[in-house]
Amino acid sequence: MNYRHAFHAGNFADVAKHLALVAALLHLRKKEKPFFVLDSHGGSGRYDLAGDAARRTGEAEAGIEKLRALRGRMDLPEVLRTYLDIVCADAGHYPGSPLIAATLLRAQDRLVAIEKHPEDAAALRAALRPFPNAKAEEADGYRRIAALLPPKERRGLVLIDPPYEAADEFQTAADALTQAWRRFATGIYMLWFPIKSKAAADAFCGEVLAAGINKALRIDIEIAPAAGTDKERLTAAGLLVVNPPYGLDGQMRAAAGILAEHMGEGTGLSVDWLAGEGG
C-alpha cells in the first residue's frame, strides 16, 4: 500500500481532507491570538497535475477537476469558496496541505511542515519560501511531532497525513496521534487514513479513541469505482478529527450535497461523532 502524494494530488480524498483543513484554519483565525500548524508528512508542497505521476493515475479528474467550475460562485458556503480560491489559484497545479495552510496564516501564526524524502523536502522548502512564517524540515515526521509540542502559541492544529508505505504504519500513525494529544491535549488533530476495509477502519479509529480522547469526529468520503480501472484503486478514505472546531460537522455536511452533485453518482461524504457532542 503506497499513497505517496504525487500520484493522488487533487483526488476525491484530497478534496474532503483539505476542505476540513480550511474549515479548521478559518476557525482558528477568528481569534487574534496566534496559532501553530504542524504537518507531519508535508510532501513536496505543490503538484503538477500534468506531470507523469498525476497523469498515470488520473485521479484529479474525479476530484478537484469536477469542482473547478464552481470557483467564484458566491452562493457556495464560505469554507468551500475559500478552498476553491486557494486550490484553483495556480492553474495546472494542486497545492498540498502545507501550502494550503501557509496561505491561511496571518503574520502572527506559524507553520512547520516536515518531510523525510530529501527530494520532496527540497521541493517543499521552495514551495514555502514566499511565506516567512512557514518552515520546512527534512526529518521523520513521526519522530518530530513530540519535540514540537506543545507549541508556544498554545493554540493550533496537527495534521498527520502519512503515505502508509509500511505494513505497520496504521499503528505508527495511531500511536503518533495519541502521544501528541497527551502532550498538547487542547490542539486540533487531523489524522487521514485510506479505507480498504470498513472493519479495519473502525478498529483503527477505535484504537485511537481508547487512549481516552473524549471529542472526536470522523469524516469519510467515497466514490464509485471508475469503469475499467484497477480494482485496487482507492475509492474511500477517512479523516479522524480530534477536538474538532465548533461547527465543523455542520460545515462538512453542508458541503456534502454539493460534492455529491458535482463529483458524480456514487460520491458520498459522511460525518459522524465518535465521541463527545453527538457521540
Protein backbone atom coordinates (compact mmCIF):
# COMPACT_ATOMS: atom_id res chain seq x y z
CA MET A 1 0.00 0.00 0.00
CA ASN A 2 1.53 3.31 -1.08
CA TYR A 3 -0.28 6.64 -1.12
CA ARG A 4 2.68 8.88 -1.96
CA HIS A 5 1.01 12.11 -2.76
CA ALA A 6 2.26 13.00 -6.21
CA PHE A 7 0.15 10.16 -7.62
CA HIS A 8 -3.03 11.24 -5.86
CA ALA A 9 -2.92 15.04 -5.67
CA GLY A 10 -6.32 16.63 -6.08
CA ASN A 11 -8.23 13.38 -5.85
CA PHE A 12 -11.51 12.84 -4.01
CA ALA A 13 -9.73 12.21 -0.70
CA ASP A 14 -7.77 15.47 -1.01
CA VAL A 15 -10.99 17.38 -1.58
CA ALA A 16 -12.53 16.19 1.70
CA LYS A 17 -9.31 16.40 3.71
CA HIS A 18 -8.36 19.87 2.52
CA LEU A 19 -11.90 21.19 2.86
CA ALA A 20 -11.83 20.15 6.53
CA LEU A 21 -8.35 21.67 6.93
CA VAL A 22 -9.54 25.01 5.52
CA ALA A 23 -12.57 24.96 7.83
CA ALA A 24 -10.39 24.37 10.89
CA LEU A 25 -7.92 27.10 9.95
CA LEU A 26 -10.70 29.62 9.30
CA HIS A 27 -11.98 28.81 12.79
CA LEU A 28 -8.54 29.41 14.34
CA ARG A 29 -8.32 32.75 12.50
CA LYS A 30 -11.44 34.05 14.28
CA LYS A 31 -9.35 34.94 17.33
CA GLU A 32 -6.44 37.38 17.19
CA LYS A 33 -4.24 35.08 19.28
CA PRO A 34 -1.59 33.31 17.18
CA PHE A 35 -1.84 29.65 16.26
CA PHE A 36 0.60 26.94 15.21
CA VAL A 37 0.21 24.38 12.43
CA LEU A 38 2.26 21.18 12.30
CA ASP A 39 2.14 19.00 9.19
CA SER A 40 3.99 15.75 9.90
CA HIS A 41 4.16 14.48 6.29
CA GLY A 42 4.33 17.57 4.14
CA GLY A 43 5.19 16.02 0.77
CA SER A 44 6.56 18.32 -1.89
CA GLY A 45 4.02 21.07 -1.28
CA ARG A 46 2.87 21.61 -4.87
CA TYR A 47 1.91 19.07 -7.53
CA ASP A 48 1.88 19.29 -11.31
CA LEU A 49 -1.39 17.77 -12.45
CA ALA A 50 0.07 17.37 -15.95
CA GLY A 51 3.13 15.56 -14.60
CA ASP A 52 3.89 11.88 -15.05
CA ALA A 53 2.74 10.80 -11.58
CA ALA A 54 -0.62 12.59 -11.73
CA ARG A 55 -1.29 11.53 -15.33
CA ARG A 56 -0.50 7.91 -14.50
CA THR A 57 -3.46 7.71 -12.13
CA GLY A 58 -5.70 10.49 -13.46
CA GLU A 59 -7.28 10.76 -10.01
CA ALA A 60 -7.64 14.54 -10.05
CA GLU A 61 -10.17 14.13 -12.85
CA ALA A 62 -12.61 12.61 -10.37
CA GLY A 63 -11.71 15.14 -7.67
CA ILE A 64 -10.75 18.79 -7.99
CA GLU A 65 -11.32 18.89 -11.76
CA LYS A 66 -15.02 18.22 -11.12
CA LEU A 67 -15.22 21.31 -8.93
CA ARG A 68 -13.13 23.94 -10.72
CA ALA A 69 -16.14 25.41 -12.50
CA LEU A 70 -17.68 26.30 -9.12
CA ARG A 71 -14.91 28.75 -8.26
CA GLY A 72 -16.20 32.27 -7.81
CA ARG A 73 -19.79 31.31 -7.08
CA MET A 74 -20.97 33.47 -4.21
CA ASP A 75 -23.80 31.11 -3.27
CA LEU A 76 -21.34 28.50 -2.02
CA PRO A 77 -20.58 28.07 1.71
CA GLU A 78 -17.60 30.19 2.83
CA VAL A 79 -15.41 27.16 3.50
CA LEU A 80 -15.94 25.73 0.02
CA ARG A 81 -15.40 29.14 -1.60
CA THR A 82 -12.14 29.63 0.28
CA TYR A 83 -10.93 26.12 -0.52
CA LEU A 84 -11.60 26.58 -4.24
CA ASP A 85 -9.96 30.02 -4.30
CA ILE A 86 -6.77 28.51 -2.83
CA VAL A 87 -6.52 25.26 -4.77
CA CYS A 88 -7.56 26.70 -8.14
CA ALA A 89 -5.29 29.76 -7.99
CA ASP A 90 -2.34 28.02 -9.64
CA ALA A 91 -3.55 26.68 -12.99
CA GLY A 92 -2.37 23.17 -13.72
CA HIS A 93 -1.14 22.54 -10.19
CA TYR A 94 -2.61 21.44 -6.88
CA PRO A 95 -1.28 22.66 -3.51
CA GLY A 96 -0.52 20.17 -0.77
CA SER A 97 -1.62 20.65 2.82
CA PRO A 98 1.41 22.78 3.84
CA LEU A 99 0.85 25.27 1.04
CA ILE A 100 -2.88 25.47 1.80
CA ALA A 101 -2.10 26.11 5.46
CA ALA A 102 0.61 28.67 4.67
CA THR A 103 -1.84 30.61 2.51
CA LEU A 104 -4.16 31.00 5.51
CA LEU A 105 -1.52 32.05 8.03
CA ARG A 106 -1.57 35.57 9.40
CA ALA A 107 1.55 37.49 10.43
CA GLN A 108 1.33 36.14 13.98
CA ASP A 109 0.80 32.48 13.03
CA ARG A 110 3.37 29.77 12.34
CA LEU A 111 3.70 26.56 10.30
CA VAL A 112 6.23 23.74 10.47
CA ALA A 113 5.94 21.14 7.72
CA ILE A 114 8.09 18.01 7.84
CA GLU A 115 9.11 15.69 5.01
CA LYS A 116 11.69 12.91 5.19
CA HIS A 117 12.29 12.26 1.47
CA PRO A 118 15.19 14.59 0.51
CA GLU A 119 13.90 15.46 -2.96
CA ASP A 120 10.40 16.18 -1.70
CA ALA A 121 11.76 18.14 1.26
CA ALA A 122 13.74 20.39 -1.10
CA ALA A 123 10.62 20.98 -3.20
CA LEU A 124 8.65 21.73 -0.04
CA ARG A 125 11.18 24.34 1.06
CA ALA A 126 10.90 26.00 -2.33
CA ALA A 127 7.09 25.96 -2.22
CA LEU A 128 7.04 27.58 1.23
CA ARG A 129 9.74 30.16 0.52
CA PRO A 130 7.25 33.00 -0.15
CA PHE A 131 5.79 32.55 3.35
CA PRO A 132 8.14 33.94 6.03
CA ASN A 133 6.36 32.26 8.95
CA ALA A 134 6.29 28.81 7.32
CA LYS A 135 9.21 26.43 7.75
CA ALA A 136 10.02 23.10 6.06
CA GLU A 137 12.13 20.48 7.81
CA GLU A 138 13.75 17.38 6.33
CA ALA A 139 13.12 14.80 9.04
CA ASP A 140 10.98 11.87 10.14
CA GLY A 141 7.63 13.45 10.92
CA TYR A 142 6.67 10.84 13.48
CA ARG A 143 9.84 11.50 15.47
CA ARG A 144 9.50 15.28 15.30
CA ILE A 145 5.88 15.60 16.48
CA ALA A 146 6.62 15.13 20.17
CA ALA A 147 9.58 17.53 20.08
CA LEU A 148 7.45 20.32 18.59
CA LEU A 149 4.56 20.02 21.05
CA PRO A 150 3.14 21.74 22.94
CA PRO A 151 3.65 24.87 20.84
CA LYS A 152 4.45 28.21 22.44
CA GLU A 153 1.21 29.60 20.92
CA ARG A 154 -0.90 27.10 22.93
CA ARG A 155 -3.37 27.03 20.04
CA GLY A 156 -3.02 25.01 16.91
CA LEU A 157 -3.61 22.14 14.56
CA VAL A 158 -1.63 18.99 13.86
CA LEU A 159 -2.15 17.16 10.56
CA ILE A 160 -0.90 13.58 10.30
CA ASP A 161 -1.19 12.51 6.67
CA PRO A 162 1.29 9.69 6.04
CA PRO A 163 1.68 7.68 2.80
CA TYR A 164 1.04 4.35 4.57
CA GLU A 165 4.06 2.79 2.89
CA ALA A 166 4.98 0.49 5.79
CA ALA A 167 2.96 -2.52 6.86
CA ASP A 168 2.71 -1.24 10.44
CA GLU A 169 2.03 2.39 9.56
CA PHE A 170 -1.57 2.37 10.78
CA GLN A 171 -0.29 1.51 14.23
CA THR A 172 2.50 4.08 13.98
CA ALA A 173 0.05 6.81 12.95
CA ALA A 174 -2.37 5.94 15.76
CA ASP A 175 0.46 5.99 18.30
CA ALA A 176 1.73 9.33 16.98
CA LEU A 177 -1.65 10.97 17.38
CA THR A 178 -2.24 9.68 20.90
CA GLN A 179 1.26 10.66 22.05
CA ALA A 180 0.84 14.13 20.55
CA TRP A 181 -2.56 14.54 22.18
CA ARG A 182 -1.10 13.68 25.57
CA ARG A 183 1.45 16.50 25.15
CA PHE A 184 -0.99 19.04 23.72
CA ALA A 185 -4.48 17.98 24.75
CA THR A 186 -6.27 21.12 23.55
CA GLY A 187 -4.92 21.03 19.99
CA ILE A 188 -6.95 20.13 16.91
CA TYR A 189 -5.74 16.88 15.33
CA MET A 190 -6.49 15.55 11.87
CA LEU A 191 -5.44 12.00 11.00
CA TRP A 192 -6.00 10.89 7.42
CA PHE A 193 -6.38 7.20 6.54
CA PRO A 194 -7.27 5.13 3.48
CA ILE A 195 -10.25 2.80 3.76
CA LYS A 196 -9.79 -0.61 2.17
CA SER A 197 -11.90 -2.35 4.80
CA LYS A 198 -14.65 -0.74 6.89
CA ALA A 199 -13.94 -3.10 9.78
CA ALA A 200 -10.24 -2.24 9.74
CA ALA A 201 -11.00 1.49 9.59
CA ASP A 202 -13.44 1.20 12.51
CA ALA A 203 -10.83 -0.69 14.54
CA PHE A 204 -8.18 1.91 13.69
CA CYS A 205 -10.37 4.77 14.93
CA GLY A 206 -11.37 2.77 17.99
CA GLU A 207 -7.74 2.25 18.92
CA VAL A 208 -7.07 5.98 18.83
CA LEU A 209 -10.10 6.73 20.98
CA ALA A 210 -9.06 4.09 23.50
CA ALA A 211 -6.33 6.48 24.67
CA GLY A 212 -9.02 8.50 26.43
CA ILE A 213 -9.84 11.08 23.77
CA ASN A 214 -13.31 12.41 24.55
CA LYS A 215 -14.13 14.53 21.49
CA ALA A 216 -13.69 13.11 18.00
CA LEU A 217 -15.37 13.42 14.64
CA ARG A 218 -14.97 11.07 11.70
CA ILE A 219 -15.36 12.28 8.12
CA ASP A 220 -15.49 9.64 5.39
CA ILE A 221 -15.68 10.15 1.65
CA GLU A 222 -16.21 7.54 -1.03
CA ILE A 223 -16.63 7.50 -4.78
CA ALA A 224 -17.86 4.88 -7.22
CA PRO A 225 -15.09 2.84 -8.86
CA ALA A 226 -14.34 4.13 -12.34
CA ALA A 227 -15.17 1.68 -15.12
CA GLY A 228 -12.15 -0.24 -16.34
CA THR A 229 -9.83 0.87 -13.54
CA ASP A 230 -7.64 -1.22 -11.26
CA LYS A 231 -9.70 -2.97 -8.59
CA GLU A 232 -7.09 -1.92 -6.03
CA ARG A 233 -7.57 1.79 -6.66
CA LEU A 234 -8.68 3.61 -3.53
CA THR A 235 -12.35 4.59 -3.51
CA ALA A 236 -12.82 5.52 0.16
CA ALA A 237 -10.84 7.47 2.74
CA GLY A 238 -11.39 8.90 6.19
CA LEU A 239 -10.30 11.75 8.39
CA LEU A 240 -10.36 11.42 12.16
CA VAL A 241 -10.63 14.86 13.77
CA VAL A 242 -9.83 15.14 17.47
CA ASN A 243 -11.10 18.31 19.21
CA PRO A 244 -12.94 19.44 16.07
CA PRO A 245 -13.67 23.17 15.93
CA TYR A 246 -17.20 24.24 16.70
CA GLY A 247 -19.37 23.93 13.61
CA LEU A 248 -17.02 21.71 11.59
CA ASP A 249 -19.59 18.92 11.44
CA GLY A 250 -22.24 21.24 10.04
CA GLN A 251 -19.85 22.81 7.55
CA MET A 252 -18.83 19.43 6.17
CA ARG A 253 -22.43 18.24 5.98
CA ALA A 254 -23.35 21.43 4.11
CA ALA A 255 -20.62 20.68 1.57
CA ALA A 256 -21.60 17.03 1.20
CA GLY A 257 -24.55 17.66 -1.11
CA ILE A 258 -22.54 19.98 -3.36
CA LEU A 259 -19.73 17.44 -3.65
CA ALA A 260 -22.16 14.64 -4.44
CA GLU A 261 -23.87 16.76 -7.10
CA HIS A 262 -20.70 17.73 -8.91
CA MET A 263 -18.31 14.82 -8.31
CA GLY A 264 -20.64 12.24 -9.75
CA GLU A 265 -23.03 9.47 -8.89
CA GLY A 266 -21.74 7.29 -6.08
CA THR A 267 -19.95 10.14 -4.28
CA GLY A 268 -20.84 10.27 -0.62
CA LEU A 269 -19.48 12.19 2.35
CA SER A 270 -20.49 11.15 5.87
CA VAL A 271 -19.83 13.00 9.12
CA ASP A 272 -20.19 11.12 12.40
CA TRP A 273 -19.36 11.88 16.01
CA LEU A 274 -17.37 9.07 17.57
CA ALA A 275 -17.01 10.75 20.95
CA GLY A 276 -18.29 13.94 22.52
CA GLU A 277 -21.03 16.09 21.04
CA GLY A 278 -23.46 13.88 19.18
CA GLY A 279 -21.34 10.84 20.05
